[in-house]
């Protein structure tokens, strides 16, 4: 596959473009899942006389907390990461000896 892409620039471009489109679709789906969304749907029901009846309605999906957390942690890691940056300050051994000697 790698040789094919190297030898065919148009194919390589098409593969890259396809990956970008796929990534954008997944990002959009994750965002919609995080904030909630709705879409038209149809429910098929049996009428009293035995016929099947299509009943249109709007299907609603509430916001998903896990998707929202995932989105924020990846889009704004400095603000939403579980990891806290901590700076460890240590006195070098030579300085400890000098401090102890001065006491």
C-alpha atoms as a PDB file:
ATOM      1  CA  UNK A   1       0.000   0.000   0.000  1.00  0.00           C
ATOM      2  CA  UNK A   2       2.814   2.400   0.904  1.00  0.00           C
ATOM      3  CA  UNK A   3       4.624   1.697  -2.366  1.00  0.00           C
ATOM      4  CA  UNK A   4       1.392   2.197  -4.270  1.00  0.00           C
ATOM      5  CA  UNK A   5       0.849   5.575  -2.584  1.00  0.00           C
ATOM      6  CA  UNK A   6       4.447   6.647  -3.272  1.00  0.00           C
ATOM      7  CA  UNK A   7       4.156   5.660  -6.931  1.00  0.00           C
ATOM      8  CA  UNK A   8       0.705   7.181  -7.460  1.00  0.00           C
ATOM      9  CA  UNK A   9       0.381  10.724  -6.078  1.00  0.00           C
ATOM     10  CA  UNK A  10      -3.300  10.938  -7.039  1.00  0.00           C
ATOM     11  CA  UNK A  11      -4.040   7.766  -5.097  1.00  0.00           C
ATOM     12  CA  UNK A  12      -2.068   9.080  -2.100  1.00  0.00           C
ATOM     13  CA  UNK A  13      -4.055  12.322  -2.203  1.00  0.00           C
ATOM     14  CA  UNK A  14      -7.348  10.396  -2.394  1.00  0.00           C
ATOM     15  CA  UNK A  15      -6.396   8.292   0.639  1.00  0.00           C
ATOM     16  CA  UNK A  16      -5.463  11.399   2.659  1.00  0.00           C
ATOM     17  CA  UNK A  17      -8.655  13.164   1.620  1.00  0.00           C
ATOM     18  CA  UNK A  18     -10.714  10.110   2.603  1.00  0.00           C
ATOM     19  CA  UNK A  19      -9.083  10.060   6.045  1.00  0.00           C
ATOM     20  CA  UNK A  20      -9.828  13.751   6.566  1.00  0.00           C
ATOM     21  CA  UNK A  21     -13.480  13.245   5.622  1.00  0.00           C
ATOM     22  CA  UNK A  22     -13.784  10.233   7.944  1.00  0.00           C
ATOM     23  CA  UNK A  23     -12.165  12.137  10.840  1.00  0.00           C
ATOM     24  CA  UNK A  24     -14.495  15.096  10.286  1.00  0.00           C
ATOM     25  CA  UNK A  25     -17.547  12.820  10.270  1.00  0.00           C
ATOM     26  CA  UNK A  26     -16.489  11.172  13.532  1.00  0.00           C
ATOM     27  CA  UNK A  27     -15.773  14.546  15.156  1.00  0.00           C
ATOM     28  CA  UNK A  28     -19.219  15.787  14.117  1.00  0.00           C
ATOM     29  CA  UNK A  29     -20.906  12.632  15.443  1.00  0.00           C
ATOM     30  CA  UNK A  30     -19.040  12.898  18.754  1.00  0.00           C
ATOM     31  CA  UNK A  31     -20.017  16.550  19.084  1.00  0.00           C
ATOM     32  CA  UNK A  32     -23.681  15.784  18.354  1.00  0.00           C
ATOM     33  CA  UNK A  33     -23.585  12.977  20.915  1.00  0.00           C
ATOM     34  CA  UNK A  34     -22.011  15.320  23.492  1.00  0.00           C
ATOM     35  CA  UNK A  35     -24.604  18.095  23.119  1.00  0.00           C
ATOM     36  CA  UNK A  36     -27.646  15.975  22.245  1.00  0.00           C
ATOM     37  CA  UNK A  37     -29.551  15.889  19.000  1.00  0.00           C
ATOM     38  CA  UNK A  38     -32.808  14.846  17.346  1.00  0.00           C
ATOM     39  CA  UNK A  39     -33.859  13.576  13.938  1.00  0.00           C
ATOM     40  CA  UNK A  40     -37.069  12.649  12.135  1.00  0.00           C
ATOM     41  CA  UNK A  41     -38.045   8.985  12.370  1.00  0.00           C
ATOM     42  CA  UNK A  42     -40.993   6.745  11.491  1.00  0.00           C
ATOM     43  CA  UNK A  43     -42.718   4.229  13.743  1.00  0.00           C
ATOM     44  CA  UNK A  44     -44.620   1.404  12.057  1.00  0.00           C
ATOM     45  CA  UNK A  45     -47.756   0.393  13.924  1.00  0.00           C
ATOM     46  CA  UNK A  46     -50.623  -2.011  13.253  1.00  0.00           C
ATOM     47  CA  UNK A  47     -54.049  -0.391  12.864  1.00  0.00           C
ATOM     48  CA  UNK A  48     -57.229  -1.969  14.217  1.00  0.00           C
ATOM     49  CA  UNK A  49     -58.120  -3.301  10.760  1.00  0.00           C
ATOM     50  CA  UNK A  50     -54.733  -5.054  10.408  1.00  0.00           C
ATOM     51  CA  UNK A  51     -53.074  -2.523   8.116  1.00  0.00           C
ATOM     52  CA  UNK A  52     -49.634  -1.154   8.873  1.00  0.00           C
ATOM     53  CA  UNK A  53     -49.485   2.563   9.523  1.00  0.00           C
ATOM     54  CA  UNK A  54     -46.349   4.731   9.390  1.00  0.00           C
ATOM     55  CA  UNK A  55     -46.357   7.304  12.188  1.00  0.00           C
ATOM     56  CA  UNK A  56     -43.752  10.068  11.834  1.00  0.00           C
ATOM     57  CA  UNK A  57     -42.158  11.464  14.983  1.00  0.00           C
ATOM     58  CA  UNK A  58     -38.978  13.181  16.151  1.00  0.00           C
ATOM     59  CA  UNK A  59     -36.457  10.917  17.896  1.00  0.00           C
ATOM     60  CA  UNK A  60     -34.538  12.819  20.584  1.00  0.00           C
ATOM     61  CA  UNK A  61     -31.199  11.855  22.098  1.00  0.00           C
ATOM     62  CA  UNK A  62     -30.156  13.658  25.291  1.00  0.00           C
ATOM     63  CA  UNK A  63     -26.616  14.994  25.767  1.00  0.00           C
ATOM     64  CA  UNK A  64     -24.091  12.323  26.749  1.00  0.00           C
ATOM     65  CA  UNK A  65     -21.822  13.338  29.629  1.00  0.00           C
ATOM     66  CA  UNK A  66     -19.074  10.867  28.688  1.00  0.00           C
ATOM     67  CA  UNK A  67     -18.906  12.183  25.130  1.00  0.00           C
ATOM     68  CA  UNK A  68     -18.795  15.771  26.416  1.00  0.00           C
ATOM     69  CA  UNK A  69     -15.934  14.961  28.798  1.00  0.00           C
ATOM     70  CA  UNK A  70     -14.024  13.155  26.043  1.00  0.00           C
ATOM     71  CA  UNK A  71     -14.537  16.095  23.671  1.00  0.00           C
ATOM     72  CA  UNK A  72     -13.383  18.690  26.206  1.00  0.00           C
ATOM     73  CA  UNK A  73     -10.375  16.698  27.413  1.00  0.00           C
ATOM     74  CA  UNK A  74      -9.130  16.346  23.853  1.00  0.00           C
ATOM     75  CA  UNK A  75     -10.005  19.826  22.603  1.00  0.00           C
ATOM     76  CA  UNK A  76      -8.895  21.739  25.721  1.00  0.00           C
ATOM     77  CA  UNK A  77      -6.494  19.513  27.645  1.00  0.00           C
ATOM     78  CA  UNK A  78      -4.991  22.361  29.689  1.00  0.00           C
ATOM     79  CA  UNK A  79      -8.403  23.154  31.172  1.00  0.00           C
ATOM     80  CA  UNK A  80     -10.057  19.717  31.339  1.00  0.00           C
ATOM     81  CA  UNK A  81      -7.294  17.152  31.812  1.00  0.00           C
ATOM     82  CA  UNK A  82      -7.364  14.913  34.878  1.00  0.00           C
ATOM     83  CA  UNK A  83      -3.600  15.293  35.123  1.00  0.00           C
ATOM     84  CA  UNK A  84      -2.443  18.221  37.163  1.00  0.00           C
ATOM     85  CA  UNK A  85       0.911  19.757  36.311  1.00  0.00           C
ATOM     86  CA  UNK A  86       3.059  19.788  39.411  1.00  0.00           C
ATOM     87  CA  UNK A  87       6.503  21.179  39.722  1.00  0.00           C
ATOM     88  CA  UNK A  88       8.764  19.329  42.106  1.00  0.00           C
ATOM     89  CA  UNK A  89      11.338  21.519  43.709  1.00  0.00           C
ATOM     90  CA  UNK A  90      14.274  19.792  45.296  1.00  0.00           C
ATOM     91  CA  UNK A  91      17.315  21.121  47.037  1.00  0.00           C
ATOM     92  CA  UNK A  92      20.504  19.672  45.517  1.00  0.00           C
ATOM     93  CA  UNK A  93      22.585  17.511  47.912  1.00  0.00           C
ATOM     94  CA  UNK A  94      25.486  20.025  47.949  1.00  0.00           C
ATOM     95  CA  UNK A  95      23.137  22.820  49.025  1.00  0.00           C
ATOM     96  CA  UNK A  96      21.707  20.594  51.796  1.00  0.00           C
ATOM     97  CA  UNK A  97      25.227  20.035  53.126  1.00  0.00           C
ATOM     98  CA  UNK A  98      25.950  23.783  53.061  1.00  0.00           C
ATOM     99  CA  UNK A  99      22.642  24.544  54.826  1.00  0.00           C
ATOM    100  CA  UNK A 100      23.323  21.894  57.492  1.00  0.00           C
ATOM    101  CA  UNK A 101      26.872  23.226  58.041  1.00  0.00           C
ATOM    102  CA  UNK A 102      25.631  26.777  58.505  1.00  0.00           C
ATOM    103  CA  UNK A 103      23.281  25.784  61.340  1.00  0.00           C
END
